[in-house]
Amino acid sequence: MISLWVPLALTSAFLLASSDALTKRALSVNDVYIVAWLRLFFSLPLLAVCLFFIPVPALDHTFYRTVLTALPLEITALVLYTKALKVSPLSLSLPFLSLTPVFLIVVPYLLLGEKISLAGGLGVLCIAAGGYALNINKFSEGILGPFQAIRREKGSLMMIGVAFIYSFTATLGKKAIDHSSAVFFGIIYYIVLFALFTPVAMFKSRRQFKKAPIMATILPGMLDSVGNITHTTAMSLTKVAYMVSVKRLSLLIGVFFGYLFFKESGIKERLIGTMLMLAGFAIIVMYN
């Protein structure tokens, strides 16, 4: 029987990929900081309503310390992530998020003492390798071709930074969940993130708010709010590396959306990456 965290992680993956595709469309003619701020803003109404229907857990110093440590990292990742979506094709930037599971083999062990099995490690590495191989159209330049393409695609370099930061924020998020509850943490984290990011967005783009893309960011924000709940709930039910690895199947969906909505080429050449990611998913689900 498939554990509940698996469909939750897959749902989160689909919602993330959908929100990213819609966000990229909004970014085509709009400011990065405004789009990122509005995406957060429109995720809040549903989350705020949920807050009235869940119990408030007892919170300790570890919870507050962990959240305050994670938030500056989250803001940095949010800005880099949104900029990467703007400046590079989805199919060249998003695949580098597959590095997060690799980092998560080590980071949760260092911060939480969380170990994964040999089979689980193999599954994680398959998903990471598959994400890398999604850039297989660059292999004509050698096995390191996708990384060499970083020199031409600033968005890819930004996304590598995001992947590294996410390995820490995901691990810190799991720690905060352990000292509160999944849904409560997800809601409070987004609310405080929005509050802290607001002055940053206002300072960076104060002259651009007159033409803020409100209609274009409503749906991405709403998708994010549901994705937030599924993400944190799945995270509470399994190890960080497994959950984030399965969620990285969003890369497959993102590549498909890049082809479907933005006419990005090379989707057929990415079959090997797709198969590797699906194999990794199967290993994690069957043996853990």
C-alpha atoms as a PDB file:
ATOM      1  CA  MET A   1       0.000   0.000   0.000  1.00  0.00           C
ATOM      2  CA  ILE A   2       1.343   3.430  -0.974  1.00  0.00           C
ATOM      3  CA  SER A   3       2.004   5.705   1.986  1.00  0.00           C
ATOM      4  CA  LEU A   4      -0.059   8.893   2.208  1.00  0.00           C
ATOM      5  CA  TRP A   5       3.005  11.119   1.805  1.00  0.00           C
ATOM      6  CA  VAL A   6       3.511   9.913  -1.797  1.00  0.00           C
ATOM      7  CA  PRO A   7       0.273  11.299  -3.337  1.00  0.00           C
ATOM      8  CA  LEU A   8       0.688  14.428  -1.217  1.00  0.00           C
ATOM      9  CA  ALA A   9       4.218  14.979  -2.573  1.00  0.00           C
ATOM     10  CA  LEU A  10       3.052  14.321  -6.140  1.00  0.00           C
ATOM     11  CA  THR A  11       0.207  16.801  -5.710  1.00  0.00           C
ATOM     12  CA  SER A  12       2.668  19.363  -4.392  1.00  0.00           C
ATOM     13  CA  ALA A  13       4.912  18.699  -7.414  1.00  0.00           C
ATOM     14  CA  PHE A  14       2.087  19.285  -9.892  1.00  0.00           C
ATOM     15  CA  LEU A  15       0.939  22.465  -8.156  1.00  0.00           C
ATOM     16  CA  LEU A  16       4.498  23.825  -8.050  1.00  0.00           C
ATOM     17  CA  ALA A  17       5.096  23.156 -11.749  1.00  0.00           C
ATOM     18  CA  SER A  18       1.757  24.743 -12.664  1.00  0.00           C
ATOM     19  CA  SER A  19       2.441  27.805 -10.525  1.00  0.00           C
ATOM     20  CA  ASP A  20       5.934  28.166 -12.031  1.00  0.00           C
ATOM     21  CA  ALA A  21       4.614  28.057 -15.595  1.00  0.00           C
ATOM     22  CA  LEU A  22       1.980  30.691 -14.829  1.00  0.00           C
ATOM     23  CA  THR A  23       4.569  32.795 -12.995  1.00  0.00           C
ATOM     24  CA  LYS A  24       6.954  32.692 -15.949  1.00  0.00           C
ATOM     25  CA  ARG A  25       4.184  34.028 -18.158  1.00  0.00           C
ATOM     26  CA  ALA A  26       3.584  36.891 -15.711  1.00  0.00           C
ATOM     27  CA  LEU A  27       7.331  37.601 -15.589  1.00  0.00           C
ATOM     28  CA  SER A  28       7.584  38.093 -19.331  1.00  0.00           C
ATOM     29  CA  VAL A  29       6.656  41.767 -19.000  1.00  0.00           C
ATOM     30  CA  ASN A  30       6.730  42.411 -15.248  1.00  0.00           C
ATOM     31  CA  ASP A  31       9.149  43.089 -12.392  1.00  0.00           C
ATOM     32  CA  VAL A  32      10.645  40.109 -10.519  1.00  0.00           C
ATOM     33  CA  TYR A  33      10.047  41.434  -7.003  1.00  0.00           C
ATOM     34  CA  ILE A  34       6.456  42.469  -7.669  1.00  0.00           C
ATOM     35  CA  VAL A  35       5.557  39.089  -9.175  1.00  0.00           C
ATOM     36  CA  ALA A  36       7.201  37.213  -6.270  1.00  0.00           C
ATOM     37  CA  TRP A  37       5.399  39.455  -3.748  1.00  0.00           C
ATOM     38  CA  LEU A  38       2.010  39.063  -5.414  1.00  0.00           C
ATOM     39  CA  ARG A  39       2.463  35.289  -5.660  1.00  0.00           C
ATOM     40  CA  LEU A  40       2.953  35.221  -1.889  1.00  0.00           C
ATOM     41  CA  PHE A  41       0.118  37.698  -1.288  1.00  0.00           C
ATOM     42  CA  PHE A  42      -2.484  35.647  -3.152  1.00  0.00           C
ATOM     43  CA  SER A  43      -1.460  32.475  -1.312  1.00  0.00           C
ATOM     44  CA  LEU A  44      -2.452  34.039   2.015  1.00  0.00           C
ATOM     45  CA  PRO A  45      -6.290  34.182   1.956  1.00  0.00           C
ATOM     46  CA  LEU A  46      -6.789  30.410   1.814  1.00  0.00           C
ATOM     47  CA  LEU A  47      -4.004  29.819   4.337  1.00  0.00           C
ATOM     48  CA  ALA A  48      -5.454  32.428   6.714  1.00  0.00           C
ATOM     49  CA  VAL A  49      -8.877  30.764   6.560  1.00  0.00           C
ATOM     50  CA  CYS A  50      -7.310  27.376   7.342  1.00  0.00           C
ATOM     51  CA  LEU A  51      -5.671  28.881  10.409  1.00  0.00           C
ATOM     52  CA  PHE A  52      -9.105  29.203  12.056  1.00  0.00           C
ATOM     53  CA  PHE A  53      -9.814  25.466  11.689  1.00  0.00           C
ATOM     54  CA  ILE A  54      -6.622  23.915  13.038  1.00  0.00           C
ATOM     55  CA  PRO A  55      -5.404  23.611  16.633  1.00  0.00           C
ATOM     56  CA  VAL A  56      -2.501  25.808  17.685  1.00  0.00           C
ATOM     57  CA  PRO A  57       0.273  23.547  18.975  1.00  0.00           C
ATOM     58  CA  ALA A  58       2.490  24.329  21.945  1.00  0.00           C
ATOM     59  CA  LEU A  59       5.536  26.167  20.610  1.00  0.00           C
ATOM     60  CA  ASP A  60       8.992  26.138  22.120  1.00  0.00           C
ATOM     61  CA  HIS A  61      12.229  28.077  21.644  1.00  0.00           C
ATOM     62  CA  THR A  62      13.459  25.549  19.089  1.00  0.00           C
ATOM     63  CA  PHE A  63      10.493  26.324  16.824  1.00  0.00           C
ATOM     64  CA  TYR A  64      11.065  30.081  16.924  1.00  0.00           C
ATOM     65  CA  ARG A  65      14.816  29.771  16.502  1.00  0.00           C
ATOM     66  CA  THR A  66      14.449  27.387  13.557  1.00  0.00           C
ATOM     67  CA  VAL A  67      11.885  29.542  11.750  1.00  0.00           C
ATOM     68  CA  LEU A  68      13.941  32.716  12.238  1.00  0.00           C
ATOM     69  CA  THR A  69      16.995  30.926  10.852  1.00  0.00           C
ATOM     70  CA  ALA A  70      15.146  29.629   7.797  1.00  0.00           C
ATOM     71  CA  LEU A  71      13.334  32.826   6.773  1.00  0.00           C
ATOM     72  CA  PRO A  72      16.344  34.890   5.524  1.00  0.00           C
ATOM     73  CA  LEU A  73      17.430  31.865   3.489  1.00  0.00           C
ATOM     74  CA  GLU A  74      13.888  31.477   2.123  1.00  0.00           C
ATOM     75  CA  ILE A  75      13.742  35.120   1.003  1.00  0.00           C
ATOM     76  CA  THR A  76      17.089  34.780  -0.770  1.00  0.00           C
ATOM     77  CA  ALA A  77      15.907  31.620  -2.513  1.00  0.00           C
ATOM     78  CA  LEU A  78      12.587  33.253  -3.459  1.00  0.00           C
ATOM     79  CA  VAL A  79      14.339  36.150  -5.221  1.00  0.00           C
ATOM     80  CA  LEU A  80      16.851  33.892  -7.005  1.00  0.00           C
ATOM     81  CA  TYR A  81      14.107  31.441  -8.011  1.00  0.00           C
ATOM     82  CA  THR A  82      11.881  34.124  -9.499  1.00  0.00           C
ATOM     83  CA  LYS A  83      14.787  35.761 -11.326  1.00  0.00           C
ATOM     84  CA  ALA A  84      15.808  32.384 -12.766  1.00  0.00           C
ATOM     85  CA  LEU A  85      12.280  31.816 -14.097  1.00  0.00           C
ATOM     86  CA  LYS A  86      12.431  35.209 -15.792  1.00  0.00           C
ATOM     87  CA  VAL A  87      15.858  35.075 -17.459  1.00  0.00           C
ATOM     88  CA  SER A  88      16.103  31.428 -18.598  1.00  0.00           C
ATOM     89  CA  PRO A  89      13.873  28.798 -20.246  1.00  0.00           C
ATOM     90  CA  LEU A  90      12.083  26.492 -17.806  1.00  0.00           C
ATOM     91  CA  SER A  91      13.819  23.493 -19.389  1.00  0.00           C
ATOM     92  CA  LEU A  92      17.294  24.936 -18.687  1.00  0.00           C
ATOM     93  CA  SER A  93      16.790  26.363 -15.195  1.00  0.00           C
ATOM     94  CA  LEU A  94      14.352  24.051 -13.392  1.00  0.00           C
ATOM     95  CA  PRO A  95      16.392  20.829 -13.915  1.00  0.00           C
ATOM     96  CA  PHE A  96      19.108  22.133 -11.608  1.00  0.00           C
ATOM     97  CA  LEU A  97      16.638  21.907  -8.725  1.00  0.00           C
ATOM     98  CA  SER A  98      17.340  18.174  -8.968  1.00  0.00           C
ATOM     99  CA  LEU A  99      20.534  18.892  -7.030  1.00  0.00           C
ATOM    100  CA  THR A 100      18.498  19.527  -3.870  1.00  0.00           C
ATOM    101  CA  PRO A 101      17.953  15.786  -3.182  1.00  0.00           C
ATOM    102  CA  VAL A 102      21.712  15.224  -3.486  1.00  0.00           C
ATOM    103  CA  PHE A 103      22.385  17.900  -0.886  1.00  0.00           C
ATOM    104  CA  LEU A 104      19.625  16.380   1.242  1.00  0.00           C
ATOM    105  CA  ILE A 105      21.531  13.119   1.587  1.00  0.00           C
ATOM    106  CA  VAL A 106      23.965  15.032   3.804  1.00  0.00           C
ATOM    107  CA  VAL A 107      22.222  18.110   5.276  1.00  0.00           C
ATOM    108  CA  PRO A 108      19.387  16.343   7.223  1.00  0.00           C
ATOM    109  CA  TYR A 109      21.960  13.941   8.669  1.00  0.00           C
ATOM    110  CA  LEU A 110      24.069  16.850   9.898  1.00  0.00           C
ATOM    111  CA  LEU A 111      21.168  18.894  11.273  1.00  0.00           C
ATOM    112  CA  LEU A 112      18.638  16.225  12.297  1.00  0.00           C
ATOM    113  CA  GLY A 113      20.594  12.975  12.442  1.00  0.00           C
ATOM    114  CA  GLU A 114      18.225  11.664   9.745  1.00  0.00           C
ATOM    115  CA  LYS A 115      19.655   8.733   7.776  1.00  0.00           C
ATOM    116  CA  ILE A 116      18.296   7.207   4.572  1.00  0.00           C
ATOM    117  CA  SER A 117      18.570   3.583   3.453  1.00  0.00           C
ATOM    118  CA  LEU A 118      20.856   2.324   0.706  1.00  0.00           C
ATOM    119  CA  ALA A 119      17.865   1.777  -1.590  1.00  0.00           C
ATOM    120  CA  GLY A 120      16.530   5.206  -0.690  1.00  0.00           C
ATOM    121  CA  GLY A 121      19.882   6.777  -1.508  1.00  0.00           C
ATOM    122  CA  LEU A 122      19.875   5.031  -4.876  1.00  0.00           C
ATOM    123  CA  GLY A 123      16.396   6.360  -5.593  1.00  0.00           C
ATOM    124  CA  VAL A 124      17.411   9.877  -4.621  1.00  0.00           C
ATOM    125  CA  LEU A 125      20.476   9.740  -6.870  1.00  0.00           C
ATOM    126  CA  CYS A 126      18.400   8.395  -9.784  1.00  0.00           C
ATOM    127  CA  ILE A 127      16.014  11.319  -9.492  1.00  0.00           C
ATOM    128  CA  ALA A 128      18.912  13.766  -9.275  1.00  0.00           C
ATOM    129  CA  ALA A 129      20.663  12.183 -12.283  1.00  0.00           C
ATOM    130  CA  GLY A 130      17.390  12.239 -14.196  1.00  0.00           C
ATOM    131  CA  GLY A 131      16.962  15.915 -13.490  1.00  0.00           C
ATOM    132  CA  TYR A 132      20.470  16.514 -14.807  1.00  0.00           C
ATOM    133  CA  ALA A 133      19.812  14.375 -17.887  1.00  0.00           C
ATOM    134  CA  LEU A 134      16.785  16.486 -18.744  1.00  0.00           C
ATOM    135  CA  ASN A 135      19.440  18.719 -20.317  1.00  0.00           C
ATOM    136  CA  ILE A 136      20.632  15.853 -22.499  1.00  0.00           C
ATOM    137  CA  ASN A 137      20.382  18.032 -25.598  1.00  0.00           C
ATOM    138  CA  LYS A 138      23.583  19.651 -24.285  1.00  0.00           C
ATOM    139  CA  PHE A 139      25.479  16.344 -24.122  1.00  0.00           C
ATOM    140  CA  SER A 140      26.868  16.929 -27.609  1.00  0.00           C
ATOM    141  CA  GLU A 141      29.291  19.241 -25.801  1.00  0.00           C
ATOM    142  CA  GLY A 142      30.365  16.425 -23.451  1.00  0.00           C
ATOM    143  CA  ILE A 143      29.010  14.901 -20.249  1.00  0.00           C
ATOM    144  CA  LEU A 144      29.507  18.235 -18.487  1.00  0.00           C
ATOM    145  CA  GLY A 145      27.690  20.090 -21.267  1.00  0.00           C
ATOM    146  CA  PRO A 146      24.700  21.124 -19.140  1.00  0.00           C
ATOM    147  CA  PHE A 147      26.994  22.625 -16.519  1.00  0.00           C
ATOM    148  CA  GLN A 148      29.065  24.351 -19.201  1.00  0.00           C
ATOM    149  CA  ALA A 149      25.805  25.906 -20.411  1.00  0.00           C
ATOM    150  CA  ILE A 150      25.661  27.745 -17.089  1.00  0.00           C
ATOM    151  CA  ARG A 151      28.003  30.337 -18.565  1.00  0.00           C
ATOM    152  CA  ARG A 152      25.297  31.239 -21.068  1.00  0.00           C
ATOM    153  CA  GLU A 153      22.256  30.764 -18.830  1.00  0.00           C
ATOM    154  CA  LYS A 154      22.403  32.872 -15.677  1.00  0.00           C
ATOM    155  CA  GLY A 155      19.110  31.338 -14.586  1.00  0.00           C
ATOM    156  CA  SER A 156      20.780  27.933 -14.320  1.00  0.00           C
ATOM    157  CA  LEU A 157      23.442  29.273 -11.966  1.00  0.00           C
ATOM    158  CA  MET A 158      20.783  30.988  -9.866  1.00  0.00           C
ATOM    159  CA  MET A 159      18.811  27.757  -9.659  1.00  0.00           C
ATOM    160  CA  ILE A 160      21.850  25.846  -8.411  1.00  0.00           C
ATOM    161  CA  GLY A 161      22.053  28.366  -5.584  1.00  0.00           C
ATOM    162  CA  VAL A 162      18.352  27.862  -4.922  1.00  0.00           C
ATOM    163  CA  ALA A 163      18.812  24.079  -4.828  1.00  0.00           C
ATOM    164  CA  PHE A 164      21.541  24.411  -2.214  1.00  0.00           C
ATOM    165  CA  ILE A 165      19.537  26.835  -0.078  1.00  0.00           C
ATOM    166  CA  TYR A 166      16.447  24.619  -0.288  1.00  0.00           C
ATOM    167  CA  SER A 167      18.380  21.707   1.186  1.00  0.00           C
ATOM    168  CA  PHE A 168      18.739  23.787   4.352  1.00  0.00           C
ATOM    169  CA  THR A 169      15.262  25.354   4.395  1.00  0.00           C
ATOM    170  CA  ALA A 170      13.611  21.959   3.827  1.00  0.00           C
ATOM    171  CA  THR A 171      15.596  20.437   6.681  1.00  0.00           C
ATOM    172  CA  LEU A 172      14.883  23.370   8.980  1.00  0.00           C
ATOM    173  CA  GLY A 173      11.221  23.144   7.977  1.00  0.00           C
ATOM    174  CA  LYS A 174      11.121  19.489   9.049  1.00  0.00           C
ATOM    175  CA  LYS A 175      12.640  20.466  12.398  1.00  0.00           C
ATOM    176  CA  ALA A 176      10.050  23.231  12.866  1.00  0.00           C
ATOM    177  CA  ILE A 177       7.261  20.774  11.989  1.00  0.00           C
ATOM    178  CA  ASP A 178       8.562  18.362  14.633  1.00  0.00           C
ATOM    179  CA  HIS A 179       8.221  21.172  17.186  1.00  0.00           C
ATOM    180  CA  SER A 180       4.746  22.311  16.067  1.00  0.00           C
ATOM    181  CA  SER A 181       2.498  20.724  13.438  1.00  0.00           C
ATOM    182  CA  ALA A 182       2.683  20.413   9.654  1.00  0.00           C
ATOM    183  CA  VAL A 183      -0.239  22.619   8.632  1.00  0.00           C
ATOM    184  CA  PHE A 184       0.326  25.212  11.362  1.00  0.00           C
ATOM    185  CA  PHE A 185       3.979  25.602  10.409  1.00  0.00           C
ATOM    186  CA  GLY A 186       3.169  25.882   6.685  1.00  0.00           C
ATOM    187  CA  ILE A 187       0.633  28.645   7.277  1.00  0.00           C
ATOM    188  CA  ILE A 188       2.634  30.676   9.802  1.00  0.00           C
ATOM    189  CA  TYR A 189       5.815  30.344   7.762  1.00  0.00           C
ATOM    190  CA  TYR A 190       4.173  31.810   4.652  1.00  0.00           C
ATOM    191  CA  ILE A 191       2.543  34.629   6.588  1.00  0.00           C
ATOM    192  CA  VAL A 192       5.802  35.694   8.232  1.00  0.00           C
ATOM    193  CA  LEU A 193       7.693  35.230   4.957  1.00  0.00           C
ATOM    194  CA  PHE A 194       5.248  37.593   3.261  1.00  0.00           C
ATOM    195  CA  ALA A 195       5.574  40.150   6.068  1.00  0.00           C
ATOM    196  CA  LEU A 196       9.379  40.131   5.858  1.00  0.00           C
ATOM    197  CA  PHE A 197       9.500  40.141   2.057  1.00  0.00           C
ATOM    198  CA  THR A 198       7.084  43.086   1.720  1.00  0.00           C
ATOM    199  CA  PRO A 199       9.606  45.846   2.621  1.00  0.00           C
ATOM    200  CA  VAL A 200      12.172  44.218   0.318  1.00  0.00           C
ATOM    201  CA  ALA A 201       9.740  44.246  -2.617  1.00  0.00           C
ATOM    202  CA  MET A 202       8.587  47.790  -1.842  1.00  0.00           C
ATOM    203  CA  PHE A 203      12.153  49.078  -1.713  1.00  0.00           C
ATOM    204  CA  LYS A 204      13.338  47.282  -4.848  1.00  0.00           C
ATOM    205  CA  SER A 205      10.304  47.980  -7.023  1.00  0.00           C
ATOM    206  CA  ARG A 206       8.418  50.852  -5.432  1.00  0.00           C
ATOM    207  CA  ARG A 207       7.938  52.598  -8.791  1.00  0.00           C
ATOM    208  CA  GLN A 208       6.577  49.501 -10.514  1.00  0.00           C
ATOM    209  CA  PHE A 209       3.560  48.768  -8.331  1.00  0.00           C
ATOM    210  CA  LYS A 210       1.285  50.995 -10.430  1.00  0.00           C
ATOM    211  CA  LYS A 211       1.303  48.321 -13.135  1.00  0.00           C
ATOM    212  CA  ALA A 212       1.354  45.283 -10.877  1.00  0.00           C
ATOM    213  CA  PRO A 213       0.151  42.120 -12.726  1.00  0.00           C
ATOM    214  CA  ILE A 214      -2.643  41.338 -10.285  1.00  0.00           C
ATOM    215  CA  MET A 215      -4.775  39.081 -12.484  1.00  0.00           C
ATOM    216  CA  ALA A 216      -1.759  37.118 -13.720  1.00  0.00           C
ATOM    217  CA  THR A 217      -0.612  36.233 -10.205  1.00  0.00           C
ATOM    218  CA  ILE A 218      -3.886  35.272  -8.505  1.00  0.00           C
ATOM    219  CA  LEU A 219      -3.883  31.667  -9.729  1.00  0.00           C
ATOM    220  CA  PRO A 220      -0.166  31.005  -9.051  1.00  0.00           C
ATOM    221  CA  GLY A 221      -0.672  32.261  -5.508  1.00  0.00           C
ATOM    222  CA  MET A 222      -3.734  30.080  -4.946  1.00  0.00           C
ATOM    223  CA  LEU A 223      -1.879  27.040  -6.283  1.00  0.00           C
ATOM    224  CA  ASP A 224       0.998  27.836  -3.936  1.00  0.00           C
ATOM    225  CA  SER A 225      -1.304  27.890  -0.922  1.00  0.00           C
ATOM    226  CA  VAL A 226      -2.570  24.351  -1.590  1.00  0.00           C
ATOM    227  CA  GLY A 227       0.938  23.232  -2.520  1.00  0.00           C
ATOM    228  CA  ASN A 228       2.165  24.569   0.815  1.00  0.00           C
ATOM    229  CA  ILE A 229      -0.258  22.402   2.793  1.00  0.00           C
ATOM    230  CA  THR A 230       0.467  19.247   0.789  1.00  0.00           C
ATOM    231  CA  HIS A 231       4.217  19.905   1.043  1.00  0.00           C
ATOM    232  CA  THR A 232       4.354  20.346   4.815  1.00  0.00           C
ATOM    233  CA  THR A 233       1.949  17.459   5.467  1.00  0.00           C
ATOM    234  CA  ALA A 234       4.004  15.106   3.285  1.00  0.00           C
ATOM    235  CA  MET A 235       7.188  16.339   4.975  1.00  0.00           C
ATOM    236  CA  SER A 236       5.799  15.395   8.387  1.00  0.00           C
ATOM    237  CA  LEU A 237       5.174  11.806   7.264  1.00  0.00           C
ATOM    238  CA  THR A 238       8.554  10.792   5.841  1.00  0.00           C
ATOM    239  CA  LYS A 239      12.234  11.716   5.654  1.00  0.00           C
ATOM    240  CA  VAL A 240      13.202  15.012   4.079  1.00  0.00           C
ATOM    241  CA  ALA A 241      15.303  13.521   1.263  1.00  0.00           C
ATOM    242  CA  TYR A 242      12.514  11.172   0.150  1.00  0.00           C
ATOM    243  CA  MET A 243       9.763  13.781   0.147  1.00  0.00           C
ATOM    244  CA  VAL A 244      11.779  16.437  -1.688  1.00  0.00           C
ATOM    245  CA  SER A 245      13.070  13.866  -4.204  1.00  0.00           C
ATOM    246  CA  VAL A 246       9.530  12.840  -5.138  1.00  0.00           C
ATOM    247  CA  LYS A 247       8.452  16.468  -5.240  1.00  0.00           C
ATOM    248  CA  ARG A 248      11.243  17.096  -7.760  1.00  0.00           C
ATOM    249  CA  LEU A 249       9.149  15.199 -10.285  1.00  0.00           C
ATOM    250  CA  SER A 250       7.771  18.695 -10.773  1.00  0.00           C
ATOM    251  CA  LEU A 251      10.783  19.102 -13.083  1.00  0.00           C
ATOM    252  CA  LEU A 252       9.258  16.658 -15.553  1.00  0.00           C
ATOM    253  CA  ILE A 253       5.996  18.556 -15.487  1.00  0.00           C
ATOM    254  CA  GLY A 254       7.891  21.852 -15.782  1.00  0.00           C
ATOM    255  CA  VAL A 255       9.770  20.687 -18.883  1.00  0.00           C
ATOM    256  CA  PHE A 256       6.475  19.593 -20.431  1.00  0.00           C
ATOM    257  CA  PHE A 257       4.870  22.936 -19.604  1.00  0.00           C
ATOM    258  CA  GLY A 258       7.898  24.695 -21.096  1.00  0.00           C
ATOM    259  CA  TYR A 259       7.273  22.858 -24.347  1.00  0.00           C
ATOM    260  CA  LEU A 260       3.487  23.243 -24.247  1.00  0.00           C
ATOM    261  CA  PHE A 261       3.190  26.910 -23.297  1.00  0.00           C
ATOM    262  CA  PHE A 262       6.516  28.462 -24.300  1.00  0.00           C
ATOM    263  CA  LYS A 263       7.457  26.259 -27.293  1.00  0.00           C
ATOM    264  CA  GLU A 264      10.773  25.283 -25.695  1.00  0.00           C
ATOM    265  CA  SER A 265      12.528  22.645 -27.782  1.00  0.00           C
ATOM    266  CA  GLY A 266      14.284  19.358 -26.972  1.00  0.00           C
ATOM    267  CA  ILE A 267      11.487  17.562 -25.115  1.00  0.00           C
ATOM    268  CA  LYS A 268      12.046  14.293 -27.017  1.00  0.00           C
ATOM    269  CA  GLU A 269      15.739  14.251 -26.135  1.00  0.00           C
ATOM    270  CA  ARG A 270      14.856  14.320 -22.445  1.00  0.00           C
ATOM    271  CA  LEU A 271      13.408  10.790 -22.415  1.00  0.00           C
ATOM    272  CA  ILE A 272      16.441   9.335 -20.590  1.00  0.00           C
ATOM    273  CA  GLY A 273      16.113  11.893 -17.819  1.00  0.00           C
ATOM    274  CA  THR A 274      12.417  11.118 -17.534  1.00  0.00           C
ATOM    275  CA  MET A 275      13.050   7.380 -17.206  1.00  0.00           C
ATOM    276  CA  LEU A 276      15.755   7.883 -14.574  1.00  0.00           C
ATOM    277  CA  MET A 277      13.507  10.105 -12.481  1.00  0.00           C
ATOM    278  CA  LEU A 278      10.612   7.662 -12.690  1.00  0.00           C
ATOM    279  CA  ALA A 279      12.941   4.779 -11.765  1.00  0.00           C
ATOM    280  CA  GLY A 280      14.155   6.717  -8.729  1.00  0.00           C
ATOM    281  CA  PHE A 281      10.568   7.435  -7.741  1.00  0.00           C
ATOM    282  CA  ALA A 282       9.684   3.730  -7.991  1.00  0.00           C
ATOM    283  CA  ILE A 283      12.684   2.708  -5.853  1.00  0.00           C
ATOM    284  CA  ILE A 284      11.842   5.190  -3.108  1.00  0.00           C
ATOM    285  CA  VAL A 285       8.180   4.193  -3.028  1.00  0.00           C
ATOM    286  CA  MET A 286       8.752   0.422  -3.124  1.00  0.00           C
ATOM    287  CA  TYR A 287      11.710   0.058  -0.763  1.00  0.00           C
ATOM    288  CA  ASN A 288      11.106   2.710   1.871  1.00  0.00           C
END
